[in-house]
Protein backbone atom coordinates (compact mmCIF):
# COMPACT_ATOMS: atom_id res chain seq x y z
CA MET A 1 -41.65 26.23 -12.07
CA SER A 2 -40.54 29.41 -13.89
CA GLN A 3 -42.28 30.34 -17.14
CA SER A 4 -38.94 30.42 -19.00
CA LYS A 5 -38.20 26.79 -18.11
CA ILE A 6 -41.77 25.74 -19.05
CA ARG A 7 -41.43 27.45 -22.43
CA ALA A 8 -38.03 25.80 -22.98
CA VAL A 9 -39.34 22.31 -22.27
CA SER A 10 -42.48 22.86 -24.34
CA GLY A 11 -40.45 24.18 -27.23
CA LEU A 12 -38.21 21.11 -27.22
CA LEU A 13 -41.16 18.74 -27.25
CA ILE A 14 -43.02 20.64 -29.97
CA ALA A 15 -39.90 20.75 -32.12
CA GLY A 16 -39.40 17.01 -31.62
CA ALA A 17 -43.01 16.22 -32.50
CA MET A 18 -42.78 18.24 -35.72
CA LEU A 19 -40.00 16.00 -37.10
CA VAL A 20 -41.80 13.90 -39.74
CA GLY A 21 -40.62 10.37 -40.56
CA SER A 22 -38.44 9.96 -37.46
CA ALA A 23 -38.93 6.77 -35.46
CA GLY A 24 -36.39 7.46 -32.68
CA ALA A 25 -37.14 8.52 -29.12
CA GLU A 26 -36.65 12.07 -27.91
CA PRO A 27 -35.46 12.12 -24.26
CA VAL A 28 -37.05 14.86 -22.18
CA PRO A 29 -35.22 15.49 -18.90
CA TYR A 30 -37.24 16.35 -15.84
CA LYS A 31 -36.97 19.99 -14.81
CA ALA A 32 -38.82 21.09 -11.69
CA GLY A 33 -39.11 24.56 -10.24
CA ALA A 34 -37.03 25.88 -7.41
CA SER A 35 -39.65 24.74 -4.91
CA GLY A 36 -39.82 21.23 -6.33
CA ALA A 37 -43.07 21.82 -8.26
CA SER A 38 -44.17 19.43 -10.99
CA ALA A 39 -42.70 19.72 -14.45
CA GLN A 40 -45.00 20.63 -17.34
CA MET A 41 -44.73 19.91 -21.04
CA SER A 42 -46.99 20.16 -24.07
CA VAL A 43 -47.42 17.76 -26.98
CA GLN A 44 -48.52 18.82 -30.46
CA THR A 45 -48.96 16.25 -33.20
CA GLN A 46 -50.43 18.22 -36.15
CA ASN A 47 -51.17 15.03 -38.09
CA SER A 48 -47.56 13.83 -37.74
CA PRO A 49 -46.78 10.15 -37.09
CA VAL A 50 -46.99 9.03 -33.47
CA ARG A 51 -43.61 9.38 -31.82
CA THR A 52 -42.13 7.84 -28.70
CA GLN A 53 -40.98 10.51 -26.31
CA VAL A 54 -38.82 9.85 -23.25
CA LEU A 55 -39.54 11.37 -19.84
CA ASN A 56 -36.90 11.14 -17.10
CA LEU A 57 -38.81 11.48 -13.84
CA PRO A 58 -37.36 11.37 -10.31
CA LYS A 59 -38.98 9.06 -7.80
CA GLY A 60 -41.79 10.77 -5.88
CA ARG A 61 -42.11 13.61 -8.42
CA SER A 62 -44.77 14.34 -11.05
CA ALA A 63 -45.08 15.86 -14.49
CA VAL A 64 -48.01 17.53 -16.29
CA ILE A 65 -48.71 16.53 -19.90
CA ASP A 66 -50.81 18.87 -22.10
CA LEU A 67 -52.24 17.16 -25.19
CA PRO A 68 -53.43 18.95 -28.37
CA VAL A 69 -56.56 16.78 -28.64
CA ASP A 70 -58.87 15.06 -26.18
CA ALA A 71 -57.67 11.73 -24.80
CA ALA A 72 -60.22 9.03 -24.10
CA ASP A 73 -58.01 6.26 -22.72
CA VAL A 74 -54.49 5.61 -21.41
CA PHE A 75 -52.51 2.38 -21.05
CA VAL A 76 -49.65 2.09 -18.49
CA SER A 77 -47.36 -0.95 -18.88
CA ASN A 78 -45.77 -0.84 -15.40
CA PRO A 79 -47.93 0.97 -12.83
CA ALA A 80 -45.47 -0.05 -10.09
CA ALA A 81 -42.87 2.31 -11.60
CA ALA A 82 -45.02 5.14 -13.00
CA ASP A 83 -48.70 5.98 -13.24
CA ALA A 84 -50.72 8.33 -15.47
CA VAL A 85 -53.95 10.01 -14.38
CA LEU A 86 -56.39 11.77 -16.77
CA ARG A 87 -57.47 14.90 -14.86
CA THR A 88 -59.07 16.44 -17.95
CA PRO A 89 -59.30 15.12 -21.52
CA ARG A 90 -56.25 17.19 -22.47
CA ARG A 91 -54.25 17.30 -19.19
CA ILE A 92 -52.54 14.20 -17.74
CA PHE A 93 -50.58 13.85 -14.50
CA VAL A 94 -47.65 11.42 -14.62
CA LEU A 95 -46.40 10.20 -11.22
CA GLY A 96 -43.01 8.62 -10.46
CA VAL A 97 -43.81 5.73 -8.09
CA ALA A 98 -40.61 3.67 -7.86
CA ALA A 99 -37.33 3.24 -9.70
CA GLY A 100 -37.90 1.49 -13.00
CA GLN A 101 -39.29 1.99 -16.49
CA SER A 102 -42.82 2.15 -17.85
CA ASP A 103 -44.67 3.07 -21.06
CA ALA A 104 -47.80 5.24 -21.15
CA ILE A 105 -49.83 5.18 -24.42
CA PHE A 106 -52.65 7.71 -24.92
CA PHE A 107 -55.64 7.18 -27.30
CA ASP A 108 -58.38 9.48 -28.56
CA GLY A 109 -62.07 8.65 -28.92
CA THR A 110 -61.51 6.82 -32.22
CA GLY A 111 -58.75 4.59 -30.79
CA ARG A 112 -55.94 6.44 -32.56
CA GLN A 113 -52.68 6.86 -30.63
CA ILE A 114 -51.99 10.41 -29.55
CA LEU A 115 -48.72 9.94 -27.66
CA ASN A 116 -46.40 7.08 -26.72
CA LEU A 117 -44.52 8.16 -23.60
CA SER A 118 -41.49 6.16 -22.33
CA ILE A 119 -41.02 6.96 -18.64
CA ARG A 120 -37.84 6.28 -16.71
CA VAL A 121 -38.04 6.75 -12.94
CA ASP A 122 -34.86 7.07 -10.87
CA ALA A 123 -33.98 8.26 -7.40
CA PRO A 124 -33.83 12.07 -7.09
CA THR A 125 -30.26 13.35 -6.96
CA GLU A 126 -30.84 17.09 -6.56
CA GLN A 127 -30.32 16.88 -2.81
CA LEU A 128 -27.08 14.90 -3.24
CA THR A 129 -25.76 17.33 -5.84
CA ASP A 130 -26.62 20.34 -3.68
CA THR A 131 -24.90 18.75 -0.67
CA ILE A 132 -21.74 18.07 -2.69
CA HIS A 133 -21.65 21.64 -4.00
CA ARG A 134 -22.14 23.01 -0.49
CA LEU A 135 -19.41 20.88 1.12
CA TYR A 136 -16.93 21.09 -1.78
CA PRO A 137 -17.55 24.38 -3.58
CA GLN A 138 -14.31 24.15 -5.57
CA SER A 139 -15.29 20.82 -7.12
CA LYS A 140 -17.48 20.50 -10.21
CA VAL A 141 -19.45 17.32 -9.59
CA GLU A 142 -22.78 16.12 -10.95
CA ALA A 143 -24.74 13.12 -9.68
CA GLN A 144 -27.15 11.14 -11.86
CA SER A 145 -29.35 8.18 -11.01
CA VAL A 146 -29.66 5.40 -13.59
CA ASN A 147 -31.40 2.09 -12.85
CA GLY A 148 -30.76 2.37 -9.12
CA PHE A 149 -27.09 3.37 -9.52
CA ILE A 150 -25.61 6.77 -8.64
CA ILE A 151 -23.17 7.96 -11.30
CA LEU A 152 -20.69 10.63 -10.22
CA SER A 153 -19.05 12.74 -12.93
CA GLY A 154 -16.97 15.87 -12.97
CA VAL A 155 -13.64 17.15 -11.65
CA VAL A 156 -12.40 17.34 -8.04
CA ALA A 157 -9.35 18.98 -6.53
CA ASN A 158 -7.65 15.89 -5.10
CA ALA A 159 -8.05 12.20 -4.36
CA ALA A 160 -9.25 12.85 -0.80
CA GLU A 161 -12.24 14.84 -2.07
CA ALA A 162 -13.03 12.12 -4.61
CA GLU A 163 -13.05 9.48 -1.89
CA ALA A 164 -15.19 11.61 0.45
CA ILE A 165 -17.73 12.37 -2.28
CA SER A 166 -17.90 8.68 -3.18
CA ARG A 167 -18.63 7.79 0.46
CA LEU A 168 -21.32 10.48 0.58
CA ALA A 169 -22.97 9.08 -2.54
CA GLY A 170 -22.78 5.58 -1.06
CA ALA A 171 -24.67 6.75 2.02
CA PHE A 172 -27.25 8.41 -0.23
CA ALA A 173 -27.70 5.27 -2.36
CA GLY A 174 -27.86 2.99 0.68
CA LYS A 175 -25.19 0.67 -0.73
CA PRO A 176 -21.61 1.76 -1.56
CA GLU A 177 -21.47 -0.77 -4.40
CA ASN A 178 -24.29 1.13 -6.16
CA VAL A 179 -22.02 4.13 -6.76
CA VAL A 180 -20.16 4.46 -10.07
CA ASN A 181 -17.29 6.89 -9.55
CA THR A 182 -16.07 8.53 -12.77
CA LEU A 183 -14.61 11.61 -11.08
CA ALA A 184 -11.39 13.03 -12.48
CA ILE A 185 -8.73 14.72 -10.37
CA ALA A 186 -7.74 18.17 -11.59
CA GLY A 187 -4.04 17.92 -10.75
CA LYS A 188 -2.60 14.81 -9.16
CA ASP A 189 0.17 15.49 -6.70
CA GLN A 190 3.27 13.31 -6.54
CA VAL A 191 4.71 12.14 -3.24
CA THR A 192 8.28 11.03 -2.53
CA LEU A 193 8.65 8.86 0.55
CA LYS A 194 11.99 8.60 2.33
CA VAL A 195 12.35 5.75 4.82
CA ARG A 196 15.26 5.31 7.25
CA ILE A 197 15.79 1.93 8.88
CA ILE A 198 18.57 2.01 11.49
CA GLU A 199 19.57 -0.92 13.67
CA VAL A 200 22.51 -1.32 16.05
CA GLU A 201 23.32 -4.68 17.64
CA ARG A 202 25.91 -5.42 20.31
CA SER A 203 26.82 -8.88 21.56
CA THR A 204 29.11 -10.15 24.31
CA ILE A 205 30.28 -13.71 25.00
CA LYS A 206 32.36 -14.74 28.03
CA GLN A 207 33.48 -18.31 28.77
CA LEU A 208 35.70 -19.62 31.56
CA GLY A 209 36.18 -23.19 32.69
CA LEU A 210 38.71 -25.82 33.78
CA SER A 211 38.56 -29.40 32.58
CA ALA A 212 40.67 -32.18 34.11
CA ASP A 213 41.29 -35.86 33.50
CA ILE A 214 43.24 -38.31 35.74
CA THR A 215 43.81 -41.99 34.95
CA SER A 216 45.83 -44.82 36.57
CA VAL A 217 46.80 -48.16 35.05
CA ASN A 218 48.23 -51.35 36.59
CA GLU A 219 51.17 -53.42 35.41
CA SER A 220 49.11 -55.19 32.76
CA GLY A 221 48.04 -51.86 31.27
CA LYS A 222 44.44 -51.98 32.44
CA ILE A 223 42.83 -48.86 33.94
CA THR A 224 42.29 -49.25 37.66
CA TYR A 225 40.64 -45.89 38.27
CA GLY A 226 39.96 -42.64 36.48
CA ALA A 227 38.38 -39.25 37.17
CA GLY A 228 37.64 -36.35 34.94
CA ARG A 229 35.52 -33.28 34.33
CA ALA A 230 34.63 -31.65 31.03
CA ASN A 231 33.12 -28.23 30.35
CA THR A 232 29.61 -28.40 28.85
CA TRP A 233 28.95 -24.73 27.92
CA GLY A 234 25.18 -24.75 28.41
CA THR A 235 24.56 -21.31 26.94
CA ASN A 236 26.55 -21.26 23.69
CA GLY A 237 26.69 -25.03 23.20
CA SER A 238 30.44 -25.22 22.65
CA PHE A 239 33.67 -23.42 23.41
CA GLN A 240 33.78 -20.49 20.98
CA GLY A 241 37.53 -19.92 21.26
CA GLY A 242 38.73 -23.21 19.78
CA LYS A 243 41.35 -24.86 22.02
CA GLY A 244 42.40 -23.84 25.53
CA LEU A 245 45.61 -23.78 27.55
CA CYS A 246 46.40 -27.36 28.53
CA PHE A 247 49.08 -28.83 30.78
CA GLY A 248 49.63 -32.31 32.23
CA GLU A 249 52.05 -34.98 33.41
CA ASN A 250 52.40 -38.57 32.28
CA SER A 251 54.21 -41.42 34.04
CA ALA A 252 54.40 -45.13 33.46
CA ARG A 253 51.20 -45.85 35.36
CA GLN A 254 49.49 -42.45 35.82
CA SER A 255 48.51 -39.51 33.66
CA ALA A 256 46.97 -36.18 34.60
CA THR A 257 45.78 -33.49 32.19
CA ALA A 258 44.11 -30.14 32.86
CA CYS A 259 42.88 -27.57 30.33
CA LEU A 260 41.99 -23.97 31.08
CA GLN A 261 39.49 -22.56 28.61
CA ALA A 262 38.91 -18.81 28.64
CA PHE A 263 37.29 -16.74 25.90
CA GLU A 264 35.72 -13.31 25.47
CA ARG A 265 34.11 -11.81 22.36
CA VAL A 266 32.52 -8.39 21.79
CA GLY A 267 30.66 -7.73 18.54
CA LEU A 268 28.95 -4.70 16.99
CA VAL A 269 26.62 -4.65 13.98
CA ARG A 270 25.16 -1.50 12.39
CA THR A 271 22.46 -1.68 9.72
CA LEU A 272 21.36 1.38 7.74
CA ALA A 273 18.89 1.34 4.84
CA GLU A 274 17.33 4.45 3.28
CA PRO A 275 15.01 3.54 0.39
CA ASN A 276 13.24 6.38 -1.46
CA LEU A 277 10.22 6.00 -3.74
CA THR A 278 7.89 8.37 -5.62
CA ALA A 279 4.24 7.75 -6.52
CA VAL A 280 1.22 9.70 -7.73
CA SER A 281 -1.39 10.48 -5.10
CA GLY A 282 -3.83 7.60 -4.86
CA GLU A 283 -1.61 5.13 -6.72
CA ALA A 284 0.53 2.31 -5.29
CA ALA A 285 4.29 1.97 -5.79
CA LYS A 286 6.80 -0.76 -4.87
CA PHE A 287 10.59 -0.93 -4.69
CA LEU A 288 12.99 -3.80 -3.98
CA ALA A 289 16.79 -3.74 -3.93
CA GLY A 290 18.06 -7.22 -3.22
CA GLY A 291 17.53 -10.59 -4.81
CA GLU A 292 15.58 -13.83 -4.75
CA PHE A 293 16.58 -17.25 -3.46
CA PRO A 294 15.02 -20.57 -4.54
CA VAL A 295 12.92 -22.65 -2.16
CA PRO A 296 11.75 -26.18 -3.18
CA VAL A 297 7.98 -26.43 -2.84
CA ALA A 298 7.05 -29.70 -4.59
CA GLN A 299 8.49 -32.84 -6.17
CA ASP A 300 6.80 -35.08 -8.75
CA ASN A 301 7.04 -38.86 -9.18
CA GLN A 302 10.06 -38.53 -11.47
CA GLY A 303 12.07 -36.62 -8.90
CA ARG A 304 11.78 -33.23 -10.57
CA VAL A 305 11.68 -30.45 -8.02
CA THR A 306 9.58 -27.32 -8.33
CA VAL A 307 11.12 -24.25 -6.76
CA GLU A 308 9.62 -20.93 -5.76
CA PHE A 309 11.74 -17.81 -5.50
CA LYS A 310 11.43 -15.71 -2.35
CA PRO A 311 12.59 -12.08 -2.37
CA PHE A 312 15.00 -10.59 0.14
CA GLY A 313 16.76 -7.27 0.51
CA VAL A 314 15.48 -3.74 1.07
CA GLY A 315 11.82 -3.37 0.09
CA LEU A 316 9.37 -0.49 0.20
CA GLY A 317 5.75 -0.19 -0.87
CA PHE A 318 3.32 2.62 -0.20
CA THR A 319 0.13 4.33 -1.38
CA PRO A 320 -0.03 8.09 -0.71
CA VAL A 321 -3.16 10.25 -0.68
CA VAL A 322 -2.66 14.01 -0.62
CA LEU A 323 -5.19 15.72 1.65
CA SER A 324 -6.08 19.36 2.02
CA GLY A 325 -3.59 21.71 3.66
CA GLY A 326 -0.55 19.79 2.44
CA ARG A 327 -1.24 16.77 4.65
CA ILE A 328 -0.46 13.29 3.34
CA SER A 329 -2.08 9.99 4.26
CA LEU A 330 0.31 7.06 3.83
CA ARG A 331 -0.40 3.35 3.74
CA LEU A 332 3.07 1.82 3.69
CA SER A 333 5.05 -1.36 4.24
CA THR A 334 8.83 -1.62 4.44
CA GLU A 335 11.31 -4.32 5.31
CA VAL A 336 14.99 -5.20 5.39
CA SER A 337 15.78 -8.91 5.10
CA GLU A 338 18.97 -10.90 4.65
CA LEU A 339 19.96 -14.54 4.36
CA THR A 340 21.21 -16.27 7.50
CA ASN A 341 22.16 -19.75 8.66
CA THR A 342 20.33 -19.24 11.95
CA GLY A 343 17.19 -21.32 11.64
CA ALA A 344 18.25 -22.83 8.30
CA TYR A 345 16.76 -26.18 7.26
CA THR A 346 18.84 -29.16 6.10
CA ASN A 347 17.11 -32.21 4.62
CA SER A 348 18.28 -35.82 4.51
CA THR A 349 20.22 -35.30 1.28
CA GLY A 350 22.28 -32.48 2.77
CA LEU A 351 20.45 -29.67 0.97
CA THR A 352 20.41 -26.58 3.18
CA LEU A 353 17.73 -23.94 2.80
CA PRO A 354 18.73 -20.62 4.35
CA ALA A 355 16.49 -18.64 6.66
CA LEU A 356 15.78 -14.92 6.65
CA THR A 357 16.44 -12.24 9.20
CA VAL A 358 13.62 -9.74 8.68
CA ARG A 359 12.82 -6.26 9.98
CA ARG A 360 9.35 -5.41 8.70
CA ALA A 361 6.79 -2.69 9.43
CA GLU A 362 3.33 -1.98 8.00
CA SER A 363 1.25 1.01 9.02
CA THR A 364 -1.13 3.77 7.95
CA VAL A 365 -0.21 7.27 9.10
CA GLU A 366 -1.12 10.88 8.34
CA MET A 367 1.41 13.68 8.47
CA GLN A 368 2.50 16.98 6.98
CA SER A 369 4.70 17.17 3.90
CA GLY A 370 8.36 17.38 4.95
CA SER A 371 7.77 16.19 8.52
CA SER A 372 9.12 12.94 9.96
CA LEU A 373 7.48 10.27 12.06
CA MET A 374 8.89 7.20 13.76
CA ILE A 375 6.47 4.43 12.82
CA ALA A 376 8.26 1.55 14.54
CA GLY A 377 10.96 0.93 17.11
CA LEU A 378 12.41 -1.96 19.06
CA LEU A 379 14.66 -2.14 22.09
CA LYS A 380 15.73 -5.71 22.85
CA SER A 381 18.13 -7.23 25.38
CA ASP A 382 18.87 -10.95 25.80
CA TYR A 383 20.88 -12.06 28.84
CA ARG A 384 21.86 -15.71 29.29
CA GLN A 385 24.31 -17.25 31.76
CA THR A 386 24.94 -20.77 32.99
CA ILE A 387 27.33 -22.16 35.63
CA ASP A 388 28.21 -25.85 35.46
CA SER A 389 29.82 -27.39 38.54
CA LEU A 390 30.50 -30.59 40.42
CA PRO A 391 27.98 -30.98 43.26
CA GLY A 392 29.42 -30.67 46.75
CA VAL A 393 32.92 -29.70 45.69
CA THR A 394 31.99 -26.40 44.05
CA ASN A 395 31.14 -24.86 47.44
CA LEU A 396 34.67 -25.26 48.74
CA PRO A 397 36.55 -21.96 49.16
CA VAL A 398 39.05 -21.22 46.36
CA LEU A 399 39.21 -24.85 45.25
CA GLY A 400 35.54 -24.79 44.32
CA SER A 401 36.23 -22.47 41.38
CA LEU A 402 38.36 -25.18 39.82
CA PHE A 403 35.27 -27.34 39.50
CA ARG A 404 33.04 -24.69 37.91
CA SER A 405 32.65 -23.40 34.36
CA ARG A 406 30.82 -20.21 33.40
CA ASP A 407 29.13 -19.53 30.07
CA PHE A 408 27.78 -16.00 29.55
CA GLN A 409 26.06 -14.35 26.57
CA ASN A 410 24.46 -10.92 26.26
CA GLU A 411 22.83 -9.46 23.13
CA GLU A 412 21.41 -5.95 22.85
CA SER A 413 19.75 -4.40 19.82
CA GLU A 414 17.91 -1.18 19.02
CA LEU A 415 15.85 -0.63 15.87
CA VAL A 416 14.01 2.48 14.63
CA ILE A 417 12.09 3.13 11.39
CA ILE A 418 11.50 6.77 10.38
CA VAL A 419 9.41 7.95 7.41
CA THR A 420 9.39 11.38 5.76
CA PRO A 421 7.03 12.20 2.85
CA TYR A 422 7.43 15.13 0.47
CA ILE A 423 5.06 16.58 -2.12
CA VAL A 424 7.29 16.92 -5.18
CA SER A 425 7.10 17.95 -8.81
CA ALA A 426 9.17 17.19 -11.88
CA ASN A 427 12.30 19.23 -12.52
CA ASP A 428 14.84 19.89 -15.23
CA PRO A 429 17.18 16.91 -15.80
CA ASP A 430 20.28 19.09 -15.36
CA ALA A 431 19.16 20.02 -11.85
CA PHE A 432 19.79 16.50 -10.54
CA GLN A 433 23.10 15.04 -9.40
CA THR A 434 23.99 11.41 -8.88
CA PRO A 435 26.82 9.59 -7.08
CA ALA A 436 28.35 8.81 -10.48
CA ASP A 437 28.77 12.48 -11.37
CA ASN A 438 32.37 13.76 -11.30
CA LEU A 439 33.64 10.24 -10.64
CA LEU A 440 36.28 8.39 -12.63
CA ILE A 441 37.82 4.97 -12.11
CA ALA A 442 41.51 5.18 -11.22
CA SER A 443 44.02 4.11 -13.82
CA ASP A 444 46.36 1.16 -13.27
CA PRO A 445 49.36 3.29 -12.21
CA GLU A 446 47.19 5.23 -9.75
CA ALA A 447 45.79 2.02 -8.29
CA VAL A 448 49.20 0.31 -8.00
CA PHE A 449 51.46 3.18 -6.88
CA LEU A 450 49.01 5.52 -5.13
CA GLY A 451 46.52 2.98 -3.80
CA ARG A 452 43.53 4.79 -5.32
CA LEU A 453 40.37 3.12 -6.52
CA ASN A 454 38.75 6.19 -8.00
CA ARG A 455 39.37 9.86 -8.64
CA SER A 456 37.03 12.83 -9.00
CA TYR A 457 37.07 15.88 -11.22
CA LYS A 458 35.20 19.15 -11.52
CA GLN A 459 33.11 19.76 -14.59
CA LYS A 460 34.44 22.47 -16.86
CA ARG A 461 32.24 25.48 -17.47
CA GLY A 462 32.38 24.89 -21.18
CA ASP A 463 30.73 21.48 -20.75
CA THR A 464 27.44 23.04 -19.63
CA ALA A 465 24.93 25.29 -21.32
CA PRO A 466 25.81 29.02 -21.44
CA ASP A 467 23.04 29.96 -18.98
CA GLN A 468 23.90 27.23 -16.47
CA VAL A 469 26.47 27.13 -13.71
CA ALA A 470 28.81 24.17 -13.75
CA ALA A 471 27.81 21.54 -11.23
CA GLY A 472 30.03 21.01 -8.24
CA PRO A 473 30.94 17.71 -6.64
CA TYR A 474 28.18 15.41 -5.51
CA GLN A 475 26.64 16.46 -2.19
CA ALA A 476 24.04 14.40 -0.34
CA PRO A 477 23.18 13.43 3.23
CA ILE A 478 24.16 9.84 2.49
CA GLY A 479 26.89 8.30 0.37
CA TYR A 480 30.07 6.32 0.91
CA VAL A 481 32.35 7.29 -2.00
CA ILE A 482 35.39 9.16 -0.65
CA GLU A 483 38.07 10.93 -2.66
């Protein structure tokens, strides 16, 4: 240990012992030399009242106590934590055995107390602190051990460094839960996440069939024979086109009816959702544009129903962590849901509970600021076709087609989800534009005679500050308001 540090510690203890009438404890931190040598301190009483002095000692280290008078006996309250050895009457070695606290009381030959030493032994943290400073030289972090816990304090550059240092301290302590992280982040970055959910669906339905019915009655009006065939539509369940083309002939005793049912439908659905959300690095954020619908969950003995509201719409939630080099770690979840009658539930009283069509994705990714990544995609094709026919007759050439019905359905869909994060900062309010800028609702004459719903205008230069250029019309990659 250097002589300057020994003199500093000794001076603090001597100054503390000279305070007359004080009953409080003076904490003395442990300060070892560069090579890990034992600390040394001196005690001088000069007929002053016995004081309790505190010694913070790392586990496995020692301290040398120099007394002003000869000591004849020493009492140690907890030898399992710390021990005191009288090498000479005026020089004592204090050893840190295990984490804990202990008191060491020294007596002279007459039984008078010379020194009451309160010893606190904790795990050494010099190695942890040196490792942190070596791996993260830009961070100002200190590690302290108190009652078996590692306390981290100081300032780090970003949340990623704070998390890495906390994991390092957890490995040093042996248990991550024994780490108390009080690190502050110098400047927290803000991240804006842009999500694009695009889905295109195409559906095709084709139906073709011939149904016939022939009956014959006798003179009394009773049916003597009858034959018929009806289309069943095994794929779609029913004829989607309503009624068909029917023709027939009726006589006094016979009737014949035939119906040709033909239908074709082609559908196209396009879904586009682009939610954007901003959050501070390391903090969670959520966004929902939609609504909530009630769902009965319970009913008491008096018939009162308890409902629970379920959200639907466009939702986005994410937690960003800004890493070094402008990289961003994202833990995100996004979904687009809408009410549908497909899969709806109807109870005995006729109450119908709608179902939800959901496109949902949850993932954790790492990417550069401003870059895009497709986190989910789906390519789906459903092909269904049934042919209903009369056995035996359907194989006849030409005529067999009259006894067959075809039901065809094909559905194709493609879904992609793309995310793009940006590291952003706050800006002047006048630098932002919104879809409502330069937009006016059309007057009644314009709506009636010109068929306009809205009209736009350009901001006059006099409406802005002298050092600002008047804003032009709203420009953005998305938007559906047209002049």
